[in-house]
N, C-alpha and C. Protein backbone atom coordinates (compact mmCIF):
# COMPACT_ATOMS: atom_id res chain seq x y z
N UNK A 1 87.55 79.89 108.10
CA UNK A 1 87.92 81.30 108.08
C UNK A 1 86.61 81.28 107.69
N UNK A 2 85.06 81.36 108.59
CA UNK A 2 84.15 82.02 107.88
C UNK A 2 83.84 83.38 108.16
N UNK A 3 83.67 84.47 107.51
CA UNK A 3 83.22 85.82 108.13
C UNK A 3 81.53 85.97 107.23
N UNK A 4 80.51 86.03 108.66
CA UNK A 4 79.51 86.08 108.58
C UNK A 4 79.62 87.72 108.57
N UNK A 5 78.33 88.32 107.37
CA UNK A 5 78.48 89.40 107.32
C UNK A 5 77.79 90.26 105.94
N UNK A 6 78.32 91.50 106.01
CA UNK A 6 77.40 92.05 104.50
C UNK A 6 78.99 92.49 103.18
N UNK A 7 78.41 91.79 101.64
CA UNK A 7 79.34 92.39 101.08
C UNK A 7 79.07 93.64 100.44
N UNK A 8 78.80 94.79 101.79
CA UNK A 8 78.28 96.10 101.18
C UNK A 8 79.06 96.78 102.49
N UNK A 9 79.60 96.53 103.18
CA UNK A 9 79.42 96.88 104.51
C UNK A 9 81.27 97.36 104.28
N UNK A 10 81.61 98.09 105.00
CA UNK A 10 82.94 98.88 105.02
C UNK A 10 83.43 98.22 106.26
N UNK A 11 82.98 98.36 107.04
CA UNK A 11 84.11 96.77 108.17
C UNK A 11 84.51 95.42 107.58
N UNK A 12 83.42 94.79 106.91
CA UNK A 12 83.39 93.48 106.68
C UNK A 12 84.66 93.49 105.10
N UNK A 13 84.21 94.58 104.65
CA UNK A 13 85.58 94.85 103.58
C UNK A 13 86.79 95.04 103.80
N UNK A 14 86.37 95.35 104.37
CA UNK A 14 88.40 95.71 105.58
C UNK A 14 88.70 94.64 106.29
N UNK A 15 87.73 93.92 106.97
CA UNK A 15 88.46 92.39 107.76
C UNK A 15 88.65 90.83 106.28
N UNK A 16 88.06 91.09 105.85
CA UNK A 16 87.94 90.28 104.02
C UNK A 16 89.26 91.11 104.18
N UNK A 17 89.80 91.63 103.49
CA UNK A 17 91.05 92.74 103.05
C UNK A 17 92.28 92.09 103.80
N UNK A 18 92.48 91.64 104.97
CA UNK A 18 93.18 92.23 105.67
C UNK A 18 93.55 90.14 106.50
N UNK A 19 92.81 89.52 105.73
CA UNK A 19 92.00 87.94 106.57
C UNK A 19 92.82 87.29 104.70
N UNK A 20 93.49 86.10 105.62
CA UNK A 20 94.04 85.46 104.57
C UNK A 20 93.06 84.23 104.66
N UNK A 21 92.34 83.25 103.39
CA UNK A 21 91.73 82.42 103.52
C UNK A 21 90.42 82.39 104.42
N UNK A 22 90.05 83.26 103.71
CA UNK A 22 88.55 83.43 104.44
C UNK A 22 87.11 83.65 104.08
N UNK A 23 86.29 82.94 104.13
CA UNK A 23 84.85 83.07 103.04
C UNK A 23 84.36 83.31 103.63
N UNK A 24 83.47 84.55 102.77
CA UNK A 24 82.53 85.85 102.69
C UNK A 24 81.28 84.62 102.66
N UNK A 25 80.37 85.13 103.43
CA UNK A 25 78.81 84.35 103.92
C UNK A 25 77.85 85.97 104.05
N UNK A 26 77.49 86.12 102.69
CA UNK A 26 76.60 87.20 103.13
C UNK A 26 75.17 86.78 104.04
N UNK A 27 75.14 87.73 105.00
CA UNK A 27 74.09 87.30 105.53
C UNK A 27 72.54 87.73 105.12
N UNK A 28 72.36 88.44 104.39
CA UNK A 28 71.20 89.16 103.76
C UNK A 28 71.75 88.38 102.65
N UNK A 29 71.91 87.62 101.78
CA UNK A 29 71.66 86.67 100.51
C UNK A 29 71.68 84.70 101.00
N UNK A 30 72.06 84.98 102.27
CA UNK A 30 72.46 83.20 102.73
C UNK A 30 72.44 83.22 104.67
N UNK A 31 71.82 84.49 105.21
CA UNK A 31 70.76 84.41 106.99
C UNK A 31 72.87 83.34 107.08
N UNK A 32 72.77 83.18 108.31
CA UNK A 32 73.51 82.78 109.02
C UNK A 32 73.36 81.00 109.71
N UNK A 33 73.71 80.16 109.93
CA UNK A 33 73.24 78.84 109.97
C UNK A 33 72.91 78.68 111.71
N UNK A 34 71.90 78.33 112.32
CA UNK A 34 71.52 79.01 112.98
C UNK A 34 71.50 78.55 114.05
N UNK A 35 72.55 77.16 113.85
CA UNK A 35 73.84 76.52 115.45
C UNK A 35 74.63 77.74 115.51
N UNK A 36 75.25 78.28 114.35
CA UNK A 36 75.76 79.20 113.96
C UNK A 36 75.90 80.78 115.27
N UNK A 37 74.60 80.95 115.08
CA UNK A 37 74.00 82.04 115.28
C UNK A 37 73.45 81.55 116.80
N UNK A 38 72.76 80.35 117.15
CA UNK A 38 73.04 79.98 118.74
C UNK A 38 74.13 80.36 119.59
N UNK A 39 75.27 80.05 119.17
CA UNK A 39 76.12 80.01 119.34
C UNK A 39 76.84 81.22 119.62
N UNK A 40 76.93 82.19 118.77
CA UNK A 40 77.08 83.41 118.67
C UNK A 40 76.43 84.09 119.57
N UNK A 41 75.00 84.63 119.98
CA UNK A 41 74.16 84.62 121.09
C UNK A 41 74.47 83.92 121.95
N UNK A 42 74.97 83.26 122.57
CA UNK A 42 75.17 82.74 123.92
C UNK A 42 76.48 83.40 124.08
N UNK A 43 77.64 83.59 123.66
CA UNK A 43 79.11 83.51 123.64
C UNK A 43 78.06 85.28 124.34
N UNK A 44 78.18 85.93 122.99
CA UNK A 44 77.84 87.92 122.78
C UNK A 44 76.11 87.88 122.83
N UNK A 45 75.85 88.23 123.57
CA UNK A 45 74.53 88.21 124.33
C UNK A 45 73.67 89.50 123.52
N UNK A 46 73.54 90.38 124.21
CA UNK A 46 72.56 91.44 123.65
C UNK A 46 73.66 92.38 122.17
N UNK A 47 75.26 91.94 122.61
CA UNK A 47 75.82 92.46 122.14
C UNK A 47 76.06 92.69 120.34
N UNK A 48 75.46 91.68 120.42
CA UNK A 48 75.32 91.04 118.92
C UNK A 48 73.87 91.48 118.19
N UNK A 49 73.29 92.44 119.05
CA UNK A 49 72.20 93.01 117.36
C UNK A 49 73.02 94.37 117.99
N UNK A 50 72.88 95.06 116.58
CA UNK A 50 73.64 96.16 116.33
C UNK A 50 71.66 97.32 115.87
N UNK A 51 71.86 97.82 117.03
CA UNK A 51 71.30 98.60 117.55
C UNK A 51 71.67 100.64 117.37
N UNK A 52 72.36 100.33 116.86
CA UNK A 52 72.76 101.78 116.11
C UNK A 52 71.70 101.55 114.17
N UNK A 53 71.85 100.43 114.48
CA UNK A 53 71.54 100.01 112.38
C UNK A 53 70.44 100.76 111.85
N UNK A 54 70.15 101.13 110.81
CA UNK A 54 68.66 101.94 110.13
C UNK A 54 67.69 100.77 110.14
N UNK A 55 68.56 99.50 110.33
CA UNK A 55 67.10 98.34 110.31
C UNK A 55 66.51 98.35 111.71
N UNK A 56 67.45 98.86 112.58
CA UNK A 56 66.72 98.62 114.18
C UNK A 56 66.03 100.00 114.41
N UNK A 57 66.28 101.21 113.90
CA UNK A 57 66.27 102.13 113.49
C UNK A 57 64.28 102.13 112.52
N UNK A 58 64.34 101.47 111.87
CA UNK A 58 63.05 101.29 111.06
C UNK A 58 61.66 100.32 111.65
N UNK A 59 62.15 99.35 113.19
CA UNK A 59 61.77 98.98 113.48
C UNK A 59 60.41 99.53 114.89
N UNK A 60 59.45 99.40 114.79
CA UNK A 60 58.34 99.39 116.12
C UNK A 60 58.68 99.01 116.74
N UNK A 61 58.97 99.59 118.31
CA UNK A 61 58.58 99.10 119.22
C UNK A 61 58.17 98.44 120.11
N UNK A 62 57.19 97.60 119.12
CA UNK A 62 56.90 96.04 119.51
C UNK A 62 57.70 95.39 118.96
N UNK A 63 58.30 95.50 117.69
CA UNK A 63 59.24 94.10 117.65
C UNK A 63 60.78 94.69 117.36
N UNK A 64 61.13 95.67 117.75
CA UNK A 64 61.92 95.43 119.10
C UNK A 64 62.17 94.97 120.56
N UNK A 65 60.57 94.55 120.80
CA UNK A 65 60.36 93.76 121.74
C UNK A 65 60.32 92.42 121.86
N UNK A 66 60.78 91.89 120.21
CA UNK A 66 60.49 90.57 120.35
C UNK A 66 61.87 89.91 120.45
N UNK A 67 62.35 88.30 120.32
CA UNK A 67 62.82 87.77 120.74
C UNK A 67 64.62 88.00 120.35
N UNK A 68 65.82 88.39 120.86
CA UNK A 68 66.33 88.62 119.96
C UNK A 68 66.74 87.44 118.47
N UNK A 69 66.62 86.73 118.99
CA UNK A 69 66.59 85.22 117.72
C UNK A 69 66.35 85.06 116.98
N UNK A 70 64.87 85.79 116.95
CA UNK A 70 64.42 85.59 115.90
C UNK A 70 64.16 86.59 115.12
N UNK A 71 64.09 88.00 115.59
CA UNK A 71 64.78 88.99 115.60
C UNK A 71 65.75 88.61 114.22
N UNK A 72 66.93 88.70 114.44
CA UNK A 72 68.28 88.14 113.63
C UNK A 72 68.57 87.24 112.77
N UNK A 73 67.13 86.42 112.89
CA UNK A 73 66.49 85.47 111.49
C UNK A 73 65.75 85.49 110.51
N UNK A 74 65.02 87.12 111.04
CA UNK A 74 64.06 87.85 110.34
C UNK A 74 64.89 88.79 109.34
N UNK A 75 65.34 89.58 110.42
CA UNK A 75 66.91 91.25 108.82
C UNK A 75 67.78 90.34 109.98
N UNK A 76 69.03 89.73 109.33
CA UNK A 76 70.59 89.38 109.13
C UNK A 76 71.39 90.47 109.61
N UNK A 77 70.50 91.67 108.30
CA UNK A 77 71.43 92.63 108.94
C UNK A 77 71.66 93.48 110.13
N UNK A 78 70.35 92.76 111.36
CA UNK A 78 70.64 93.72 112.28
C UNK A 78 71.74 93.19 112.79
N UNK A 79 72.31 91.56 112.88
CA UNK A 79 73.95 91.10 113.19
C UNK A 79 74.58 92.19 113.56
N UNK A 80 75.58 92.75 114.75
CA UNK A 80 77.02 93.25 114.18
C UNK A 80 77.80 92.72 113.67
N UNK A 81 78.55 93.15 112.75
CA UNK A 81 79.14 93.17 111.75
C UNK A 81 80.94 93.13 111.82
N UNK A 82 81.92 92.28 111.87
CA UNK A 82 81.57 90.13 110.83
C UNK A 82 81.84 89.90 112.18
N UNK A 83 81.29 88.60 112.17
CA UNK A 83 81.18 87.87 113.54
C UNK A 83 81.53 87.07 111.69
N UNK A 84 82.98 86.67 112.81
CA UNK A 84 83.62 85.13 112.19
C UNK A 84 84.63 84.01 112.96
N UNK A 85 84.02 82.99 111.67
CA UNK A 85 84.07 81.44 112.98
C UNK A 85 85.41 81.21 112.09
N UNK A 86 86.21 80.98 113.51
CA UNK A 86 87.87 80.43 112.57
C UNK A 86 87.82 78.68 113.59
N UNK A 87 87.64 77.81 113.04
CA UNK A 87 88.77 76.52 114.35
C UNK A 87 87.14 76.27 115.31
N UNK A 88 86.50 76.71 114.45
CA UNK A 88 84.51 77.06 115.96
C UNK A 88 84.73 77.68 117.11
N UNK A 89 85.85 78.80 117.26
CA UNK A 89 85.51 80.35 117.75
C UNK A 89 84.81 81.18 117.17
N UNK A 90 84.83 82.39 117.17
CA UNK A 90 83.25 82.37 117.33
C UNK A 90 84.88 84.32 117.88
N UNK A 91 84.55 85.52 116.71
CA UNK A 91 84.86 86.67 116.81
C UNK A 91 83.87 88.30 116.54
N UNK A 92 83.41 88.62 117.75
CA UNK A 92 82.30 89.93 116.80
C UNK A 92 83.21 91.75 116.89
N UNK A 93 82.73 91.71 115.66
CA UNK A 93 83.71 92.73 114.95
C UNK A 93 85.03 92.90 114.44
N UNK A 94 85.49 94.10 114.69
CA UNK A 94 86.87 94.30 114.07
C UNK A 94 87.88 95.03 114.56
N UNK A 95 87.47 94.89 115.88
CA UNK A 95 88.03 96.01 116.86
C UNK A 95 89.54 95.33 117.06
N UNK A 96 90.40 96.19 117.57
CA UNK A 96 92.12 95.69 117.89
C UNK A 96 92.21 94.72 118.59
N UNK A 97 91.00 93.80 119.48
CA UNK A 97 91.11 92.30 119.88
C UNK A 97 90.65 92.01 118.61
N UNK A 98 90.01 92.05 118.29
CA UNK A 98 89.89 90.54 116.75
C UNK A 98 90.78 90.62 116.26
N UNK A 99 91.38 91.82 115.62
CA UNK A 99 92.34 91.45 114.52
C UNK A 99 93.78 90.99 115.26
N UNK A 100 94.03 91.69 116.16
CA UNK A 100 95.54 90.83 117.55
C UNK A 100 95.09 89.19 117.36
N UNK A 101 93.97 88.63 117.38
CA UNK A 101 93.80 87.74 117.35
C UNK A 101 93.59 86.62 116.49
N UNK A 102 93.27 87.56 115.20
CA UNK A 102 92.72 86.64 113.92
C UNK A 102 93.90 86.92 113.40
N UNK A 103 94.98 87.99 113.05
CA UNK A 103 96.18 88.10 112.37
C UNK A 103 97.43 89.10 112.45
N UNK A 104 97.35 89.09 114.02
CA UNK A 104 98.46 89.97 114.71
C UNK A 104 98.42 91.39 114.21
N UNK A 105 99.75 91.71 113.38
CA UNK A 105 98.87 93.03 112.84
C UNK A 105 98.90 93.94 111.70
N UNK A 106 97.45 92.81 111.29
CA UNK A 106 97.56 92.84 110.12
C UNK A 106 96.59 94.13 109.66
N UNK A 107 96.50 94.93 110.52
CA UNK A 107 95.44 96.61 110.36
C UNK A 107 96.38 97.40 108.85
């Protein structure tokens, strides 16, 4: 299982603490593989962009209008976190639905 997120993100830390046999891929340091990013965008669409983030608020209107995939490659911290890959299946965020799917009552 791979968790794509930020090592300093509280939500990512909660997920890491709850999950077993998971590897953290810090998106700021390592980025997200393009094939994973493409699959995630196909599955989650605009929900993959964290438009409440500080990074998003710092972008100009012209930058915000760019292709979301280009934005995510250039600014990986714009991705909603965590993005978790397990056996080819992708999960976004750390809501109750994702927690139930990945670890039952691991909260």
